[in-house]
Amino acid sequence: MGEAMGEINPGYLKEETKQKIRKSFLHSDSDFPAVIVKHFFTADFYKELERKISSLNIKKDVVVLHHSYAVSDIKLSSKELCDFLSFVTKKKIDEINFTAHLLTWKDYQILNDKYLEKPGIDVVIDVTENWNTGWGGVVTYTDGRGTVYPLAPVGNSIALVERKKGLQKYFQYVNHYGKDKKRVFLMATI
């Protein structure tokens, strides 16, 4: 996925729109600073991304007391994406390496003190169409005091979440209703 033109929906590249997204992210709820942008990629780039993901060598990774899902590394060599993320987050981003997560029935990630993440900004690209939250598999953030912040799954969306100290994430268990379904998203921390 090289330097193809037209990766990001042109509406999001307008200066006024980028400013609104940046303001929304930087001035969002102080307990859960986040922004979700729907219909983020152009249709052609999104299809190319889906093709690239389908050709990955995704392997099951299980640590019973922490997670069960399939993963693969994926690099998006997109100057347009890096420039957009740099602008919105006010952090210089030259490249971004994602992990593709594939969740199916009985997959999960739970909170475990042995796997605490350092603060950072999570970038979550959702590539699952028509996912029903009743099936589980929702990326969810929590502050450790009982407050949860689920990210609604929407295909062709990008979420930016600033994980401050104490904010951790987990993936809800994919239950029997999602038995024959696949949930795919890309995740990176900057």
N, C-alpha and C. Protein backbone atom coordinates (compact mmCIF):
# COMPACT_ATOMS: atom_id res chain seq x y z
N MET A 1 0.85 -1.17 0.00
CA MET A 1 0.00 0.00 0.00
C MET A 1 0.89 1.22 0.00
N GLY A 2 1.33 1.53 -1.15
CA GLY A 2 2.30 2.61 -1.29
C GLY A 2 1.66 3.97 -1.24
N GLU A 3 2.24 4.84 -2.01
CA GLU A 3 1.86 6.24 -1.99
C GLU A 3 0.69 6.52 -2.93
N ALA A 4 -0.31 5.68 -2.96
CA ALA A 4 -1.46 5.89 -3.83
C ALA A 4 -2.19 7.17 -3.42
N MET A 5 -2.63 7.89 -4.42
CA MET A 5 -3.38 9.11 -4.13
C MET A 5 -4.81 8.71 -3.77
N GLY A 6 -5.44 9.53 -2.99
CA GLY A 6 -6.83 9.30 -2.68
C GLY A 6 -7.10 8.19 -1.70
N GLU A 7 -6.29 8.09 -0.65
CA GLU A 7 -6.50 7.06 0.36
C GLU A 7 -7.57 7.48 1.37
N ILE A 8 -7.48 8.71 1.81
CA ILE A 8 -8.43 9.22 2.81
C ILE A 8 -9.56 9.94 2.10
N ASN A 9 -10.78 9.76 2.61
CA ASN A 9 -11.95 10.44 2.09
C ASN A 9 -11.61 11.93 1.94
N PRO A 10 -11.74 12.50 0.74
CA PRO A 10 -11.34 13.89 0.49
C PRO A 10 -12.00 14.90 1.43
N GLY A 11 -13.19 14.60 1.91
CA GLY A 11 -13.85 15.52 2.84
C GLY A 11 -13.07 15.71 4.13
N TYR A 12 -12.32 14.69 4.53
CA TYR A 12 -11.53 14.78 5.77
C TYR A 12 -10.19 15.45 5.57
N LEU A 13 -9.83 15.74 4.33
CA LEU A 13 -8.56 16.39 4.06
C LEU A 13 -8.71 17.91 3.94
N LYS A 14 -9.94 18.38 3.95
CA LYS A 14 -10.16 19.82 3.91
C LYS A 14 -9.67 20.42 5.23
N GLU A 15 -9.02 21.58 5.12
CA GLU A 15 -8.41 22.21 6.29
C GLU A 15 -9.43 22.43 7.42
N GLU A 16 -10.61 22.91 7.08
CA GLU A 16 -11.64 23.19 8.09
C GLU A 16 -12.06 21.90 8.81
N THR A 17 -12.21 20.82 8.04
CA THR A 17 -12.62 19.54 8.63
C THR A 17 -11.52 18.98 9.52
N LYS A 18 -10.27 19.05 9.05
CA LYS A 18 -9.15 18.57 9.86
C LYS A 18 -9.06 19.34 11.18
N GLN A 19 -9.30 20.63 11.11
CA GLN A 19 -9.27 21.47 12.33
C GLN A 19 -10.35 21.01 13.31
N LYS A 20 -11.55 20.71 12.78
CA LYS A 20 -12.65 20.26 13.64
C LYS A 20 -12.32 18.91 14.29
N ILE A 21 -11.74 18.00 13.52
CA ILE A 21 -11.38 16.69 14.06
C ILE A 21 -10.30 16.85 15.12
N ARG A 22 -9.30 17.70 14.85
CA ARG A 22 -8.23 17.94 15.82
C ARG A 22 -8.80 18.52 17.11
N LYS A 23 -9.66 19.52 16.96
CA LYS A 23 -10.25 20.15 18.15
C LYS A 23 -11.08 19.14 18.93
N SER A 24 -11.84 18.32 18.22
CA SER A 24 -12.66 17.31 18.87
C SER A 24 -11.79 16.33 19.65
N PHE A 25 -10.67 15.92 19.06
CA PHE A 25 -9.77 14.98 19.73
C PHE A 25 -9.05 15.62 20.91
N LEU A 26 -8.44 16.77 20.68
CA LEU A 26 -7.63 17.40 21.72
C LEU A 26 -8.45 17.98 22.87
N HIS A 27 -9.73 18.27 22.61
CA HIS A 27 -10.56 18.88 23.64
C HIS A 27 -11.74 18.00 24.03
N SER A 28 -11.61 16.70 23.77
CA SER A 28 -12.70 15.79 24.12
C SER A 28 -12.68 15.51 25.63
N ASP A 29 -13.61 14.71 26.08
CA ASP A 29 -13.76 14.35 27.49
C ASP A 29 -12.41 14.03 28.10
N SER A 30 -12.06 14.72 29.17
CA SER A 30 -10.74 14.52 29.78
C SER A 30 -10.56 13.12 30.35
N ASP A 31 -11.65 12.42 30.70
CA ASP A 31 -11.53 11.05 31.18
C ASP A 31 -11.31 10.07 30.04
N PHE A 32 -11.84 10.40 28.87
CA PHE A 32 -11.72 9.52 27.71
C PHE A 32 -11.53 10.35 26.44
N PRO A 33 -10.30 10.86 26.24
CA PRO A 33 -10.06 11.67 25.05
C PRO A 33 -10.03 10.78 23.81
N ALA A 34 -11.02 10.94 22.95
CA ALA A 34 -11.13 10.09 21.78
C ALA A 34 -11.96 10.76 20.70
N VAL A 35 -11.75 10.28 19.47
CA VAL A 35 -12.57 10.71 18.34
C VAL A 35 -12.69 9.52 17.39
N ILE A 36 -13.87 9.36 16.80
CA ILE A 36 -14.11 8.32 15.81
C ILE A 36 -14.55 9.00 14.52
N VAL A 37 -13.90 8.64 13.41
CA VAL A 37 -14.23 9.21 12.12
C VAL A 37 -14.73 8.08 11.23
N LYS A 38 -15.98 8.20 10.77
CA LYS A 38 -16.59 7.17 9.92
C LYS A 38 -16.35 7.47 8.45
N HIS A 39 -16.44 6.44 7.62
CA HIS A 39 -16.21 6.55 6.17
C HIS A 39 -14.86 7.23 5.91
N PHE A 40 -13.84 6.77 6.62
CA PHE A 40 -12.55 7.46 6.64
C PHE A 40 -11.77 7.32 5.33
N PHE A 41 -11.71 6.11 4.80
CA PHE A 41 -10.94 5.87 3.58
C PHE A 41 -11.82 5.97 2.34
N THR A 42 -11.20 6.23 1.20
CA THR A 42 -11.94 6.18 -0.06
C THR A 42 -12.36 4.73 -0.29
N ALA A 43 -13.40 4.53 -1.08
CA ALA A 43 -13.90 3.18 -1.34
C ALA A 43 -12.82 2.30 -1.98
N ASP A 44 -12.07 2.85 -2.93
CA ASP A 44 -11.03 2.06 -3.60
C ASP A 44 -9.92 1.65 -2.63
N PHE A 45 -9.47 2.59 -1.80
CA PHE A 45 -8.40 2.26 -0.86
C PHE A 45 -8.89 1.26 0.18
N TYR A 46 -10.12 1.42 0.63
CA TYR A 46 -10.69 0.52 1.62
C TYR A 46 -10.75 -0.91 1.07
N LYS A 47 -11.15 -1.06 -0.19
CA LYS A 47 -11.16 -2.39 -0.82
C LYS A 47 -9.76 -2.96 -0.91
N GLU A 48 -8.79 -2.11 -1.26
CA GLU A 48 -7.39 -2.54 -1.33
C GLU A 48 -6.90 -2.99 0.05
N LEU A 49 -7.29 -2.25 1.08
CA LEU A 49 -6.92 -2.60 2.45
C LEU A 49 -7.53 -3.95 2.84
N GLU A 50 -8.78 -4.16 2.50
CA GLU A 50 -9.43 -5.45 2.79
C GLU A 50 -8.71 -6.60 2.07
N ARG A 51 -8.30 -6.37 0.83
CA ARG A 51 -7.56 -7.40 0.08
C ARG A 51 -6.23 -7.69 0.75
N LYS A 52 -5.54 -6.64 1.17
CA LYS A 52 -4.24 -6.83 1.82
C LYS A 52 -4.41 -7.62 3.12
N ILE A 53 -5.42 -7.30 3.88
CA ILE A 53 -5.67 -8.01 5.14
C ILE A 53 -6.01 -9.48 4.88
N SER A 54 -6.80 -9.74 3.86
CA SER A 54 -7.20 -11.12 3.57
C SER A 54 -6.01 -11.98 3.14
N SER A 55 -4.94 -11.35 2.67
CA SER A 55 -3.76 -12.11 2.25
C SER A 55 -2.71 -12.25 3.35
N LEU A 56 -2.97 -11.69 4.52
CA LEU A 56 -2.01 -11.78 5.63
C LEU A 56 -1.93 -13.21 6.17
N ASN A 57 -0.78 -13.52 6.73
CA ASN A 57 -0.59 -14.80 7.40
C ASN A 57 -0.95 -14.60 8.88
N ILE A 58 -2.24 -14.64 9.15
CA ILE A 58 -2.74 -14.37 10.50
C ILE A 58 -2.67 -15.66 11.31
N LYS A 59 -2.06 -15.55 12.51
CA LYS A 59 -1.85 -16.74 13.34
C LYS A 59 -2.51 -16.56 14.71
N LYS A 60 -3.06 -17.64 15.20
CA LYS A 60 -3.71 -17.65 16.51
C LYS A 60 -2.66 -17.39 17.59
N ASP A 61 -2.99 -16.53 18.54
CA ASP A 61 -2.12 -16.21 19.66
C ASP A 61 -2.95 -16.32 20.94
N VAL A 62 -2.54 -17.20 21.84
CA VAL A 62 -3.31 -17.43 23.06
C VAL A 62 -2.40 -17.35 24.29
N VAL A 63 -2.78 -16.49 25.21
CA VAL A 63 -2.24 -16.46 26.57
C VAL A 63 -3.49 -16.48 27.44
N VAL A 64 -3.85 -17.64 27.96
CA VAL A 64 -5.16 -17.87 28.57
C VAL A 64 -5.58 -16.78 29.55
N LEU A 65 -4.66 -16.30 30.36
CA LEU A 65 -5.02 -15.29 31.36
C LEU A 65 -4.98 -13.86 30.82
N HIS A 66 -4.84 -13.72 29.50
CA HIS A 66 -4.84 -12.38 28.93
C HIS A 66 -5.63 -12.29 27.62
N HIS A 67 -5.37 -13.20 26.65
CA HIS A 67 -6.05 -13.05 25.38
C HIS A 67 -6.09 -14.34 24.57
N SER A 68 -7.02 -14.32 23.62
CA SER A 68 -7.12 -15.36 22.60
C SER A 68 -7.66 -14.69 21.35
N TYR A 69 -6.84 -14.60 20.33
CA TYR A 69 -7.23 -14.03 19.04
C TYR A 69 -6.13 -14.35 18.04
N ALA A 70 -6.38 -14.04 16.80
CA ALA A 70 -5.39 -14.23 15.75
C ALA A 70 -4.82 -12.86 15.37
N VAL A 71 -3.52 -12.81 15.07
CA VAL A 71 -2.86 -11.54 14.77
C VAL A 71 -1.84 -11.68 13.64
N SER A 72 -1.53 -10.54 13.06
CA SER A 72 -0.47 -10.43 12.08
C SER A 72 -0.04 -8.97 12.03
N ASP A 73 1.23 -8.74 11.78
CA ASP A 73 1.70 -7.37 11.60
C ASP A 73 1.33 -6.90 10.20
N ILE A 74 1.04 -5.61 10.09
CA ILE A 74 0.73 -5.01 8.79
C ILE A 74 1.22 -3.58 8.81
N LYS A 75 1.92 -3.21 7.74
CA LYS A 75 2.44 -1.85 7.63
C LYS A 75 1.65 -1.11 6.56
N LEU A 76 1.18 0.06 6.91
CA LEU A 76 0.51 0.92 5.94
C LEU A 76 1.47 2.05 5.61
N SER A 77 2.08 1.99 4.44
CA SER A 77 3.03 3.01 4.02
C SER A 77 2.26 4.15 3.37
N SER A 78 1.62 4.94 4.18
CA SER A 78 0.77 5.99 3.66
C SER A 78 1.18 7.34 4.23
N LYS A 79 1.79 8.16 3.39
CA LYS A 79 2.16 9.50 3.82
C LYS A 79 0.90 10.29 4.18
N GLU A 80 -0.16 10.08 3.40
CA GLU A 80 -1.41 10.80 3.64
C GLU A 80 -1.96 10.48 5.04
N LEU A 81 -1.94 9.20 5.42
CA LEU A 81 -2.42 8.80 6.74
C LEU A 81 -1.52 9.36 7.84
N CYS A 82 -0.20 9.25 7.66
CA CYS A 82 0.73 9.77 8.67
C CYS A 82 0.59 11.28 8.84
N ASP A 83 0.45 11.99 7.72
CA ASP A 83 0.27 13.45 7.80
C ASP A 83 -1.03 13.81 8.52
N PHE A 84 -2.10 13.07 8.21
CA PHE A 84 -3.39 13.32 8.86
C PHE A 84 -3.28 13.09 10.37
N LEU A 85 -2.71 11.94 10.76
CA LEU A 85 -2.58 11.62 12.18
C LEU A 85 -1.66 12.61 12.89
N SER A 86 -0.59 13.03 12.22
CA SER A 86 0.32 14.02 12.81
C SER A 86 -0.42 15.32 13.08
N PHE A 87 -1.23 15.74 12.12
CA PHE A 87 -1.98 16.98 12.28
C PHE A 87 -2.97 16.89 13.45
N VAL A 88 -3.76 15.82 13.47
CA VAL A 88 -4.81 15.69 14.49
C VAL A 88 -4.22 15.54 15.89
N THR A 89 -3.16 14.76 16.03
CA THR A 89 -2.61 14.47 17.36
C THR A 89 -1.53 15.45 17.81
N LYS A 90 -1.03 16.27 16.87
CA LYS A 90 0.08 17.18 17.13
C LYS A 90 1.35 16.42 17.50
N LYS A 91 1.50 15.20 16.96
CA LYS A 91 2.71 14.39 17.14
C LYS A 91 3.27 14.09 15.75
N LYS A 92 4.58 14.15 15.61
CA LYS A 92 5.18 13.84 14.32
C LYS A 92 5.16 12.32 14.11
N ILE A 93 4.51 11.90 13.02
CA ILE A 93 4.38 10.48 12.71
C ILE A 93 4.89 10.27 11.29
N ASP A 94 5.98 9.52 11.16
CA ASP A 94 6.56 9.26 9.84
C ASP A 94 6.13 7.91 9.29
N GLU A 95 5.88 6.96 10.19
CA GLU A 95 5.38 5.65 9.76
C GLU A 95 4.61 5.05 10.92
N ILE A 96 3.76 4.13 10.56
CA ILE A 96 2.93 3.50 11.59
C ILE A 96 2.78 2.02 11.25
N ASN A 97 3.08 1.21 12.23
CA ASN A 97 2.97 -0.24 12.07
C ASN A 97 1.79 -0.74 12.89
N PHE A 98 0.90 -1.42 12.23
CA PHE A 98 -0.31 -1.90 12.86
C PHE A 98 -0.21 -3.39 13.15
N THR A 99 -1.05 -3.84 14.05
CA THR A 99 -1.30 -5.26 14.26
C THR A 99 -2.73 -5.51 13.83
N ALA A 100 -2.89 -6.47 12.91
CA ALA A 100 -4.23 -6.86 12.49
C ALA A 100 -4.74 -7.88 13.50
N HIS A 101 -5.92 -7.63 14.05
CA HIS A 101 -6.56 -8.55 15.00
C HIS A 101 -7.76 -9.19 14.32
N LEU A 102 -7.83 -10.49 14.40
CA LEU A 102 -8.98 -11.24 13.88
C LEU A 102 -9.62 -11.96 15.06
N LEU A 103 -10.86 -11.57 15.35
CA LEU A 103 -11.60 -12.19 16.45
C LEU A 103 -12.71 -13.06 15.88
N THR A 104 -12.82 -14.27 16.41
CA THR A 104 -13.89 -15.18 16.06
C THR A 104 -14.48 -15.71 17.36
N TRP A 105 -15.42 -16.63 17.25
CA TRP A 105 -16.09 -17.18 18.42
C TRP A 105 -15.09 -17.61 19.49
N LYS A 106 -15.32 -17.22 20.71
CA LYS A 106 -14.54 -17.53 21.91
C LYS A 106 -13.26 -16.71 22.06
N ASP A 107 -13.04 -15.72 21.20
CA ASP A 107 -11.85 -14.86 21.33
C ASP A 107 -12.13 -13.70 22.27
N TYR A 108 -11.04 -13.16 22.84
CA TYR A 108 -11.16 -12.12 23.87
C TYR A 108 -9.79 -11.52 24.17
N GLN A 109 -9.80 -10.42 24.90
CA GLN A 109 -8.63 -9.90 25.60
C GLN A 109 -9.15 -9.35 26.92
N ILE A 110 -8.58 -9.82 28.02
CA ILE A 110 -9.02 -9.36 29.33
C ILE A 110 -7.95 -8.50 29.98
N LEU A 111 -8.34 -7.81 31.00
CA LEU A 111 -7.39 -6.99 31.75
C LEU A 111 -6.57 -7.90 32.66
N ASN A 112 -5.27 -7.63 32.73
CA ASN A 112 -4.38 -8.41 33.57
C ASN A 112 -3.22 -7.49 33.95
N ASP A 113 -2.94 -7.38 35.25
CA ASP A 113 -1.89 -6.48 35.72
C ASP A 113 -0.52 -6.79 35.14
N LYS A 114 -0.32 -7.99 34.64
CA LYS A 114 0.97 -8.35 34.04
C LYS A 114 1.12 -7.78 32.63
N TYR A 115 0.04 -7.25 32.07
CA TYR A 115 0.05 -6.75 30.70
C TYR A 115 -0.42 -5.30 30.61
N LEU A 116 -0.04 -4.48 31.57
CA LEU A 116 -0.45 -3.08 31.54
C LEU A 116 0.29 -2.33 30.43
N GLU A 117 -0.45 -1.51 29.71
CA GLU A 117 0.14 -0.72 28.63
C GLU A 117 0.55 0.65 29.14
N LYS A 118 1.62 1.17 28.56
CA LYS A 118 2.04 2.52 28.87
C LYS A 118 1.09 3.48 28.17
N PRO A 119 0.95 4.70 28.70
CA PRO A 119 0.10 5.68 28.03
C PRO A 119 0.56 5.92 26.59
N GLY A 120 -0.38 6.25 25.74
CA GLY A 120 -0.10 6.52 24.34
C GLY A 120 -1.39 6.79 23.61
N ILE A 121 -1.31 6.95 22.31
CA ILE A 121 -2.51 7.17 21.51
C ILE A 121 -2.74 5.92 20.67
N ASP A 122 -3.88 5.28 20.89
CA ASP A 122 -4.26 4.11 20.10
C ASP A 122 -4.94 4.58 18.82
N VAL A 123 -4.55 3.95 17.72
CA VAL A 123 -5.19 4.17 16.43
C VAL A 123 -5.86 2.85 16.07
N VAL A 124 -7.17 2.88 15.94
CA VAL A 124 -7.93 1.66 15.65
C VAL A 124 -8.68 1.86 14.32
N ILE A 125 -8.33 1.04 13.35
CA ILE A 125 -9.00 1.08 12.05
C ILE A 125 -9.90 -0.15 11.98
N ASP A 126 -11.19 0.10 11.86
CA ASP A 126 -12.16 -0.99 11.83
C ASP A 126 -12.43 -1.39 10.39
N VAL A 127 -12.28 -2.67 10.10
CA VAL A 127 -12.53 -3.17 8.75
C VAL A 127 -13.56 -4.30 8.75
N THR A 128 -14.49 -4.23 9.69
CA THR A 128 -15.56 -5.22 9.76
C THR A 128 -16.89 -4.53 9.45
N GLU A 129 -17.54 -5.01 8.44
CA GLU A 129 -18.84 -4.44 8.07
C GLU A 129 -19.95 -5.17 8.84
N ASN A 130 -20.95 -4.43 9.25
CA ASN A 130 -22.17 -4.98 9.85
C ASN A 130 -21.93 -5.87 11.07
N TRP A 131 -21.04 -5.46 11.95
CA TRP A 131 -20.80 -6.21 13.18
C TRP A 131 -21.86 -5.82 14.21
N ASN A 132 -22.49 -6.81 14.80
CA ASN A 132 -23.51 -6.59 15.81
C ASN A 132 -22.84 -6.63 17.19
N THR A 133 -22.99 -5.57 17.97
CA THR A 133 -22.34 -5.53 19.28
C THR A 133 -22.84 -6.64 20.21
N GLY A 134 -24.01 -7.20 19.92
CA GLY A 134 -24.53 -8.33 20.70
C GLY A 134 -23.69 -9.59 20.55
N TRP A 135 -22.81 -9.61 19.57
CA TRP A 135 -21.93 -10.76 19.37
C TRP A 135 -20.67 -10.65 20.22
N GLY A 136 -20.43 -9.49 20.86
CA GLY A 136 -19.19 -9.27 21.61
C GLY A 136 -18.13 -8.71 20.67
N GLY A 137 -16.86 -8.91 21.05
CA GLY A 137 -15.77 -8.47 20.20
C GLY A 137 -15.57 -6.98 20.12
N VAL A 138 -16.15 -6.23 21.03
CA VAL A 138 -16.05 -4.77 21.01
C VAL A 138 -14.78 -4.34 21.75
N VAL A 139 -14.01 -3.46 21.12
CA VAL A 139 -12.84 -2.87 21.78
C VAL A 139 -13.37 -1.92 22.83
N THR A 140 -12.99 -2.16 24.09
CA THR A 140 -13.55 -1.39 25.20
C THR A 140 -12.42 -0.88 26.08
N TYR A 141 -12.53 0.37 26.48
CA TYR A 141 -11.56 0.99 27.38
C TYR A 141 -12.18 1.14 28.75
N THR A 142 -11.35 1.06 29.78
CA THR A 142 -11.85 1.24 31.14
C THR A 142 -10.80 1.99 31.97
N ASP A 143 -11.30 2.71 32.95
CA ASP A 143 -10.40 3.49 33.81
C ASP A 143 -10.01 2.73 35.08
N GLY A 144 -10.48 1.51 35.23
CA GLY A 144 -10.14 0.72 36.41
C GLY A 144 -11.02 1.03 37.61
N ARG A 145 -11.94 1.98 37.45
CA ARG A 145 -12.84 2.36 38.55
C ARG A 145 -14.29 2.02 38.21
N GLY A 146 -14.45 1.19 37.17
CA GLY A 146 -15.80 0.76 36.82
C GLY A 146 -16.42 1.48 35.63
N THR A 147 -15.76 2.52 35.13
CA THR A 147 -16.29 3.23 33.98
C THR A 147 -15.73 2.59 32.71
N VAL A 148 -16.63 2.28 31.77
CA VAL A 148 -16.19 1.67 30.51
C VAL A 148 -16.55 2.56 29.33
N TYR A 149 -15.73 2.50 28.31
CA TYR A 149 -15.92 3.29 27.11
C TYR A 149 -15.79 2.36 25.90
N PRO A 150 -16.90 1.77 25.42
CA PRO A 150 -16.82 0.90 24.26
C PRO A 150 -16.71 1.70 22.96
N LEU A 151 -15.92 1.19 22.01
CA LEU A 151 -15.85 1.79 20.68
C LEU A 151 -16.85 1.06 19.80
N ALA A 152 -17.85 1.75 19.35
CA ALA A 152 -18.86 1.13 18.49
C ALA A 152 -18.21 0.65 17.20
N PRO A 153 -18.37 -0.63 16.86
CA PRO A 153 -17.74 -1.14 15.64
C PRO A 153 -18.44 -0.64 14.38
N VAL A 154 -17.69 0.05 13.53
CA VAL A 154 -18.21 0.57 12.28
C VAL A 154 -17.14 0.36 11.22
N GLY A 155 -17.45 -0.39 10.18
CA GLY A 155 -16.50 -0.61 9.11
C GLY A 155 -16.06 0.70 8.47
N ASN A 156 -14.82 0.72 8.00
CA ASN A 156 -14.22 1.89 7.37
C ASN A 156 -14.24 3.11 8.29
N SER A 157 -13.88 2.88 9.54
CA SER A 157 -13.76 3.99 10.49
C SER A 157 -12.39 3.95 11.13
N ILE A 158 -11.99 5.09 11.66
CA ILE A 158 -10.75 5.16 12.41
C ILE A 158 -11.07 5.82 13.74
N ALA A 159 -10.51 5.26 14.81
CA ALA A 159 -10.69 5.84 16.14
C ALA A 159 -9.31 6.20 16.68
N LEU A 160 -9.24 7.35 17.30
CA LEU A 160 -8.04 7.77 18.01
C LEU A 160 -8.41 7.89 19.47
N VAL A 161 -7.67 7.17 20.31
CA VAL A 161 -7.97 7.16 21.74
C VAL A 161 -6.68 7.45 22.49
N GLU A 162 -6.68 8.52 23.28
CA GLU A 162 -5.51 8.80 24.11
C GLU A 162 -5.65 8.01 25.41
N ARG A 163 -4.76 7.04 25.56
CA ARG A 163 -4.76 6.25 26.79
C ARG A 163 -3.86 6.94 27.80
N LYS A 164 -4.49 7.61 28.74
CA LYS A 164 -3.73 8.24 29.82
C LYS A 164 -3.45 7.18 30.88
N LYS A 165 -2.64 7.51 31.85
CA LYS A 165 -2.30 6.57 32.90
C LYS A 165 -3.57 6.02 33.55
N GLY A 166 -3.66 4.71 33.67
CA GLY A 166 -4.81 4.07 34.29
C GLY A 166 -5.89 3.64 33.30
N LEU A 167 -5.84 4.14 32.07
CA LEU A 167 -6.82 3.75 31.06
C LEU A 167 -6.28 2.55 30.28
N GLN A 168 -7.00 1.45 30.33
CA GLN A 168 -6.58 0.21 29.66
C GLN A 168 -7.70 -0.26 28.74
N LYS A 169 -7.36 -1.20 27.84
CA LYS A 169 -8.37 -1.70 26.91
C LYS A 169 -8.47 -3.21 27.00
N TYR A 170 -9.62 -3.69 26.57
CA TYR A 170 -9.84 -5.12 26.43
C TYR A 170 -10.79 -5.34 25.27
N PHE A 171 -10.87 -6.58 24.79
CA PHE A 171 -11.79 -6.94 23.72
C PHE A 171 -12.84 -7.86 24.33
N GLN A 172 -14.08 -7.48 24.21
CA GLN A 172 -15.16 -8.30 24.75
C GLN A 172 -15.14 -9.69 24.12
N TYR A 173 -15.47 -10.67 24.93
CA TYR A 173 -15.57 -12.06 24.49
C TYR A 173 -16.54 -12.16 23.31
N VAL A 174 -16.12 -12.86 22.25
CA VAL A 174 -17.02 -13.09 21.12
C VAL A 174 -17.87 -14.31 21.48
N ASN A 175 -19.16 -14.10 21.66
CA ASN A 175 -20.05 -15.15 22.16
C ASN A 175 -20.61 -16.02 21.03
N HIS A 176 -21.48 -16.93 21.40
CA HIS A 176 -22.02 -17.91 20.44
C HIS A 176 -22.84 -17.27 19.32
N TYR A 177 -23.34 -16.05 19.54
CA TYR A 177 -24.08 -15.38 18.47
C TYR A 177 -23.15 -14.99 17.31
N GLY A 178 -21.89 -14.83 17.62
CA GLY A 178 -20.90 -14.49 16.59
C GLY A 178 -20.14 -15.71 16.10
N LYS A 179 -20.72 -16.87 16.29
CA LYS A 179 -20.05 -18.15 16.02
C LYS A 179 -19.45 -18.24 14.61
N ASP A 180 -20.16 -17.82 13.61
CA ASP A 180 -19.68 -17.95 12.24
C ASP A 180 -19.22 -16.61 11.66
N LYS A 181 -18.90 -15.67 12.53
CA LYS A 181 -18.53 -14.33 12.09
C LYS A 181 -17.05 -14.07 12.34
N LYS A 182 -16.53 -13.04 11.66
CA LYS A 182 -15.14 -12.61 11.86
C LYS A 182 -15.12 -11.11 12.08
N ARG A 183 -14.42 -10.68 13.10
CA ARG A 183 -14.25 -9.25 13.40
C ARG A 183 -12.78 -8.93 13.17
N VAL A 184 -12.53 -7.94 12.33
CA VAL A 184 -11.17 -7.56 11.99
C VAL A 184 -10.97 -6.08 12.23
N PHE A 185 -9.88 -5.75 12.92
CA PHE A 185 -9.51 -4.35 13.07
C PHE A 185 -7.99 -4.26 13.16
N LEU A 186 -7.46 -3.11 12.79
CA LEU A 186 -6.03 -2.84 12.89
C LEU A 186 -5.82 -1.93 14.07
N MET A 187 -4.74 -2.17 14.80
CA MET A 187 -4.47 -1.36 15.98
C MET A 187 -2.98 -1.03 16.05
N ALA A 188 -2.70 0.22 16.40
CA ALA A 188 -1.34 0.66 16.61
C ALA A 188 -1.34 1.69 17.74
N THR A 189 -0.22 1.84 18.40
CA THR A 189 -0.08 2.86 19.43
C THR A 189 1.04 3.80 19.02
N ILE A 190 0.73 5.09 19.07
CA ILE A 190 1.73 6.10 18.72
C ILE A 190 2.05 6.94 19.93
